[in-house]
Amino acid sequence: MEVINKEFKFDTAHILPNHYGQCKNLHGHTYKLIVSCTGEHKKDLSSECMIIDFSKLKKIVQENIIDKFDHAFILGAINEEVEKDIKAVLIKHNLKFIDLGYRSTAENISKYIFNKLKPILKSENIELIKITLYETETSYIEYTEL
């Protein structure tokens, strides 16, 4: 099986209320995202022998993930008082945020990204294999349904 990969970067901030470590404080990361997918080779002349043109994959991920996450605050468990307060400030000042709906861990962010991209890529006859999300240079999560 051939697997193609496309790498992206985005900057965002979050907070993990009640965490025992430093992540309980508001902080940010420069995330590295790797999208891995497979599919049948295209037969049209322009994309012949390609699973998907890298520029097309870039456009899909850019529009549906990167543009939403980059320089945004990730809201997690909104039932946390501190996140309710942060959301109110973000709304009041018309600042960018994404409401994840659950705790904003790397594990949950990668699952969210996978679930957003999977149906979009499927409509292009592309199978999303894996999301790899680096929170730091040496710490990352791989999310797959396989």
C-alpha atoms as a PDB file:
ATOM      1  CA  MET A   1       0.000   0.000   0.000  1.00  0.00           C
ATOM      2  CA  GLU A   2       1.190   3.484  -0.845  1.00  0.00           C
ATOM      3  CA  VAL A   3       0.669   6.140   1.803  1.00  0.00           C
ATOM      4  CA  ILE A   4       1.119   9.798   0.987  1.00  0.00           C
ATOM      5  CA  ASN A   5       1.882  12.325   3.693  1.00  0.00           C
ATOM      6  CA  LYS A   6       1.530  16.091   3.813  1.00  0.00           C
ATOM      7  CA  GLU A   7       2.951  18.209   6.613  1.00  0.00           C
ATOM      8  CA  PHE A   8       1.497  21.424   8.045  1.00  0.00           C
ATOM      9  CA  LYS A   9       2.224  23.785  10.935  1.00  0.00           C
ATOM     10  CA  PHE A  10      -0.065  25.981  12.978  1.00  0.00           C
ATOM     11  CA  ASP A  11       0.182  28.041  16.144  1.00  0.00           C
ATOM     12  CA  THR A  12      -2.512  27.942  18.763  1.00  0.00           C
ATOM     13  CA  ALA A  13      -3.114  28.308  22.477  1.00  0.00           C
ATOM     14  CA  HIS A  14      -5.061  26.360  25.059  1.00  0.00           C
ATOM     15  CA  ILE A  15      -5.331  25.567  28.728  1.00  0.00           C
ATOM     16  CA  LEU A  16      -5.814  22.301  30.617  1.00  0.00           C
ATOM     17  CA  PRO A  17      -7.654  23.237  33.811  1.00  0.00           C
ATOM     18  CA  ASN A  18      -6.896  21.034  36.828  1.00  0.00           C
ATOM     19  CA  HIS A  19      -3.807  19.521  35.180  1.00  0.00           C
ATOM     20  CA  TYR A  20      -1.051  18.722  37.688  1.00  0.00           C
ATOM     21  CA  GLY A  21       1.715  20.235  35.524  1.00  0.00           C
ATOM     22  CA  GLN A  22       2.532  23.458  33.703  1.00  0.00           C
ATOM     23  CA  CYS A  23      -0.233  22.901  31.137  1.00  0.00           C
ATOM     24  CA  LYS A  24      -2.764  24.074  33.707  1.00  0.00           C
ATOM     25  CA  ASN A  25      -1.622  27.562  32.669  1.00  0.00           C
ATOM     26  CA  LEU A  26      -2.683  29.256  29.454  1.00  0.00           C
ATOM     27  CA  HIS A  27       0.031  28.440  26.897  1.00  0.00           C
ATOM     28  CA  GLY A  28       0.645  27.877  23.216  1.00  0.00           C
ATOM     29  CA  HIS A  29       2.280  25.456  20.826  1.00  0.00           C
ATOM     30  CA  THR A  30       3.535  25.410  17.287  1.00  0.00           C
ATOM     31  CA  TYR A  31       1.927  22.165  16.225  1.00  0.00           C
ATOM     32  CA  LYS A  32       3.208  20.068  13.348  1.00  0.00           C
ATOM     33  CA  LEU A  33       0.463  18.089  11.655  1.00  0.00           C
ATOM     34  CA  ILE A  34       1.068  15.207   9.273  1.00  0.00           C
ATOM     35  CA  VAL A  35      -1.893  13.920   7.273  1.00  0.00           C
ATOM     36  CA  SER A  36      -1.407  10.387   5.915  1.00  0.00           C
ATOM     37  CA  CYS A  37      -3.760   8.915   3.328  1.00  0.00           C
ATOM     38  CA  THR A  38      -4.072   6.388   0.553  1.00  0.00           C
ATOM     39  CA  GLY A  39      -6.311   5.558  -2.373  1.00  0.00           C
ATOM     40  CA  GLU A  40      -6.390   4.359  -5.928  1.00  0.00           C
ATOM     41  CA  HIS A  41      -4.220   6.029  -8.532  1.00  0.00           C
ATOM     42  CA  LYS A  42      -6.108   8.606 -10.558  1.00  0.00           C
ATOM     43  CA  LYS A  43      -6.620   7.892 -14.234  1.00  0.00           C
ATOM     44  CA  ASP A  44      -7.304  11.396 -15.577  1.00  0.00           C
ATOM     45  CA  LEU A  45      -4.404  12.811 -17.558  1.00  0.00           C
ATOM     46  CA  SER A  46      -3.626  15.680 -15.193  1.00  0.00           C
ATOM     47  CA  SER A  47      -3.390  13.507 -12.054  1.00  0.00           C
ATOM     48  CA  GLU A  48      -2.536  10.168 -13.678  1.00  0.00           C
ATOM     49  CA  CYS A  49      -0.737   7.804 -11.285  1.00  0.00           C
ATOM     50  CA  MET A  50      -1.344  10.099  -8.286  1.00  0.00           C
ATOM     51  CA  ILE A  51      -3.386   9.173  -5.217  1.00  0.00           C
ATOM     52  CA  ILE A  52      -4.162  12.861  -4.767  1.00  0.00           C
ATOM     53  CA  ASP A  53      -2.286  15.892  -5.974  1.00  0.00           C
ATOM     54  CA  PHE A  54      -0.360  17.324  -3.018  1.00  0.00           C
ATOM     55  CA  SER A  55      -1.685  20.799  -3.807  1.00  0.00           C
ATOM     56  CA  LYS A  56      -5.269  19.518  -3.604  1.00  0.00           C
ATOM     57  CA  LEU A  57      -4.572  17.816  -0.271  1.00  0.00           C
ATOM     58  CA  LYS A  58      -2.957  21.029   0.964  1.00  0.00           C
ATOM     59  CA  LYS A  59      -6.017  23.057  -0.009  1.00  0.00           C
ATOM     60  CA  ILE A  60      -8.402  20.651   1.763  1.00  0.00           C
ATOM     61  CA  VAL A  61      -6.403  20.621   4.997  1.00  0.00           C
ATOM     62  CA  GLN A  62      -5.670  24.356   4.870  1.00  0.00           C
ATOM     63  CA  GLU A  63      -9.330  25.338   4.474  1.00  0.00           C
ATOM     64  CA  ASN A  64     -10.806  22.829   6.928  1.00  0.00           C
ATOM     65  CA  ILE A  65      -8.177  22.648   9.664  1.00  0.00           C
ATOM     66  CA  ILE A  66      -5.266  25.080   9.495  1.00  0.00           C
ATOM     67  CA  ASP A  67      -7.318  28.217   8.802  1.00  0.00           C
ATOM     68  CA  LYS A  68      -9.561  27.374  11.769  1.00  0.00           C
ATOM     69  CA  PHE A  69      -6.816  26.446  14.258  1.00  0.00           C
ATOM     70  CA  ASP A  70      -3.960  28.803  13.363  1.00  0.00           C
ATOM     71  CA  HIS A  71      -3.645  31.662  15.854  1.00  0.00           C
ATOM     72  CA  ALA A  72      -6.860  30.631  17.563  1.00  0.00           C
ATOM     73  CA  PHE A  73      -7.560  29.675  21.152  1.00  0.00           C
ATOM     74  CA  ILE A  74      -8.753  26.086  21.526  1.00  0.00           C
ATOM     75  CA  LEU A  75     -11.620  25.855  23.956  1.00  0.00           C
ATOM     76  CA  GLY A  76     -11.913  22.468  25.561  1.00  0.00           C
ATOM     77  CA  ALA A  77     -14.198  21.374  28.368  1.00  0.00           C
ATOM     78  CA  ILE A  78     -16.483  24.400  28.474  1.00  0.00           C
ATOM     79  CA  ASN A  79     -17.975  23.216  31.769  1.00  0.00           C
ATOM     80  CA  GLU A  80     -14.750  24.411  33.392  1.00  0.00           C
ATOM     81  CA  GLU A  81     -15.233  27.854  34.938  1.00  0.00           C
ATOM     82  CA  VAL A  82     -11.938  29.208  33.624  1.00  0.00           C
ATOM     83  CA  GLU A  83     -12.829  28.192  30.053  1.00  0.00           C
ATOM     84  CA  LYS A  84     -16.235  29.850  30.356  1.00  0.00           C
ATOM     85  CA  ASP A  85     -14.456  33.046  31.401  1.00  0.00           C
ATOM     86  CA  ILE A  86     -11.942  32.774  28.549  1.00  0.00           C
ATOM     87  CA  LYS A  87     -14.729  32.187  26.011  1.00  0.00           C
ATOM     88  CA  ALA A  88     -16.574  35.278  27.242  1.00  0.00           C
ATOM     89  CA  VAL A  89     -13.438  37.411  26.786  1.00  0.00           C
ATOM     90  CA  LEU A  90     -12.768  35.975  23.326  1.00  0.00           C
ATOM     91  CA  ILE A  91     -16.338  36.708  22.233  1.00  0.00           C
ATOM     92  CA  LYS A  92     -16.340  40.178  23.785  1.00  0.00           C
ATOM     93  CA  HIS A  93     -13.183  41.140  21.898  1.00  0.00           C
ATOM     94  CA  ASN A  94     -14.081  39.301  18.692  1.00  0.00           C
ATOM     95  CA  LEU A  95     -11.033  37.032  18.939  1.00  0.00           C
ATOM     96  CA  LYS A  96     -10.526  33.769  17.099  1.00  0.00           C
ATOM     97  CA  PHE A  97     -11.299  30.487  18.839  1.00  0.00           C
ATOM     98  CA  ILE A  98     -12.331  26.959  18.048  1.00  0.00           C
ATOM     99  CA  ASP A  99     -14.669  25.098  20.368  1.00  0.00           C
ATOM    100  CA  LEU A 100     -13.357  21.545  20.489  1.00  0.00           C
ATOM    101  CA  GLY A 101     -16.137  20.380  22.792  1.00  0.00           C
ATOM    102  CA  TYR A 102     -13.824  18.304  24.955  1.00  0.00           C
ATOM    103  CA  ARG A 103     -10.514  18.687  26.782  1.00  0.00           C
ATOM    104  CA  SER A 104      -7.912  20.140  24.417  1.00  0.00           C
ATOM    105  CA  THR A 105      -5.256  17.452  24.742  1.00  0.00           C
ATOM    106  CA  ALA A 106      -3.100  16.450  21.773  1.00  0.00           C
ATOM    107  CA  GLU A 107      -5.001  13.153  21.747  1.00  0.00           C
ATOM    108  CA  ASN A 108      -8.369  14.881  21.437  1.00  0.00           C
ATOM    109  CA  ILE A 109      -7.142  17.471  18.934  1.00  0.00           C
ATOM    110  CA  SER A 110      -5.781  14.732  16.662  1.00  0.00           C
ATOM    111  CA  LYS A 111      -9.063  12.791  16.904  1.00  0.00           C
ATOM    112  CA  TYR A 112     -11.025  15.974  16.094  1.00  0.00           C
ATOM    113  CA  ILE A 113      -8.854  16.645  13.030  1.00  0.00           C
ATOM    114  CA  PHE A 114      -9.181  13.034  11.858  1.00  0.00           C
ATOM    115  CA  ASN A 115     -12.965  13.104  12.185  1.00  0.00           C
ATOM    116  CA  LYS A 116     -13.211  16.430  10.315  1.00  0.00           C
ATOM    117  CA  LEU A 117     -10.996  15.351   7.426  1.00  0.00           C
ATOM    118  CA  LYS A 118     -12.171  11.760   6.988  1.00  0.00           C
ATOM    119  CA  PRO A 119     -15.525  12.481   5.253  1.00  0.00           C
ATOM    120  CA  ILE A 120     -14.058  15.302   3.161  1.00  0.00           C
ATOM    121  CA  LEU A 121     -11.265  13.084   1.851  1.00  0.00           C
ATOM    122  CA  LYS A 122     -13.667  10.178   1.392  1.00  0.00           C
ATOM    123  CA  SER A 123     -15.712  12.372  -0.967  1.00  0.00           C
ATOM    124  CA  GLU A 124     -12.513  12.592  -3.058  1.00  0.00           C
ATOM    125  CA  ASN A 125     -12.113   8.764  -2.937  1.00  0.00           C
ATOM    126  CA  ILE A 126      -9.183   9.153  -0.544  1.00  0.00           C
ATOM    127  CA  GLU A 127      -8.845   7.094   2.640  1.00  0.00           C
ATOM    128  CA  LEU A 128      -7.452   8.950   5.635  1.00  0.00           C
ATOM    129  CA  ILE A 129      -5.027   6.554   7.312  1.00  0.00           C
ATOM    130  CA  LYS A 130      -3.527   8.541  10.156  1.00  0.00           C
ATOM    131  CA  ILE A 131      -3.115  11.924  11.765  1.00  0.00           C
ATOM    132  CA  THR A 132       0.227  12.616  13.420  1.00  0.00           C
ATOM    133  CA  LEU A 133       0.225  15.688  15.636  1.00  0.00           C
ATOM    134  CA  TYR A 134       3.432  17.002  17.187  1.00  0.00           C
ATOM    135  CA  GLU A 135       2.816  19.172  20.225  1.00  0.00           C
ATOM    136  CA  THR A 136       6.546  19.713  20.659  1.00  0.00           C
ATOM    137  CA  GLU A 137       9.577  18.657  18.617  1.00  0.00           C
ATOM    138  CA  THR A 138       9.801  15.386  20.543  1.00  0.00           C
ATOM    139  CA  SER A 139       6.216  14.720  21.684  1.00  0.00           C
ATOM    140  CA  TYR A 140       3.495  13.597  19.322  1.00  0.00           C
ATOM    141  CA  ILE A 141       0.349  11.524  18.973  1.00  0.00           C
ATOM    142  CA  GLU A 142      -0.629   9.270  16.102  1.00  0.00           C
ATOM    143  CA  TYR A 143      -4.368   8.827  15.651  1.00  0.00           C
ATOM    144  CA  THR A 144      -5.849   6.195  13.368  1.00  0.00           C
ATOM    145  CA  GLU A 145      -8.965   4.078  13.241  1.00  0.00           C
ATOM    146  CA  LEU A 146      -7.089   1.048  11.886  1.00  0.00           C
END
